[in-house]
């Protein structure tokens, strides 16, 4: 369960999918009141599969998380978007206190394990293409056949058809339009992560009243 004030509840599927794709390093959780299992890993989104989309990834075969998925396939993936400290000194409305602006997406679904070598190769190729191709000299996964098979045998793939997609975009929606503009200006003058929050604020809340 996530604490989700209505002002910060993001329901636009395009915005939620975009955050998943731009911040694909996720926290995968198999819930359990006594012993939750958690893995941090990159996940890819296939928008065209399922009503809400499908997540694709893999874990090391040595990671016991896949055993839990086999036993209890219901999982939660949390994607952390940009975030930044917001100083009360930026506001025009006083008195005020500090806060933190951020965006997260929670994707709930049922996982299906994949052991087939062709499926595992497809997953790894898609991950490499997604994260390596933008580089000036991308790595092309040109591996000796024996080594490739050895590496594939050391992982377990999975796909998660998303059944519930929820976003919390806390971006100063509870402040006046003037205060939002002040926050955006201050964040744009800051670090790269702060500037990313400002960009998201411009896209999602700056024009709201």
Foldseek 3Di string as FASTA:
>chain_A
DDDADPLFWDDPLVVLLVLCLVQQFKWKWDDDPVDIDIDTGGWDWDCPPAPSTKIKDKDFPPRCVVVVCVVPQKMKIKGWGFKDKFQCVLAPDDDDHIDMWTKMKIFIFGKDKDLDLVVLVVRVQVVQCSPQVVDPDGDRPPDPPVVSVVVSNRMMMMMTRTPDMIMGGRQPSVPDLSSSVSLLVVLCPDDPSSPRSSVVCVVPPNPPD
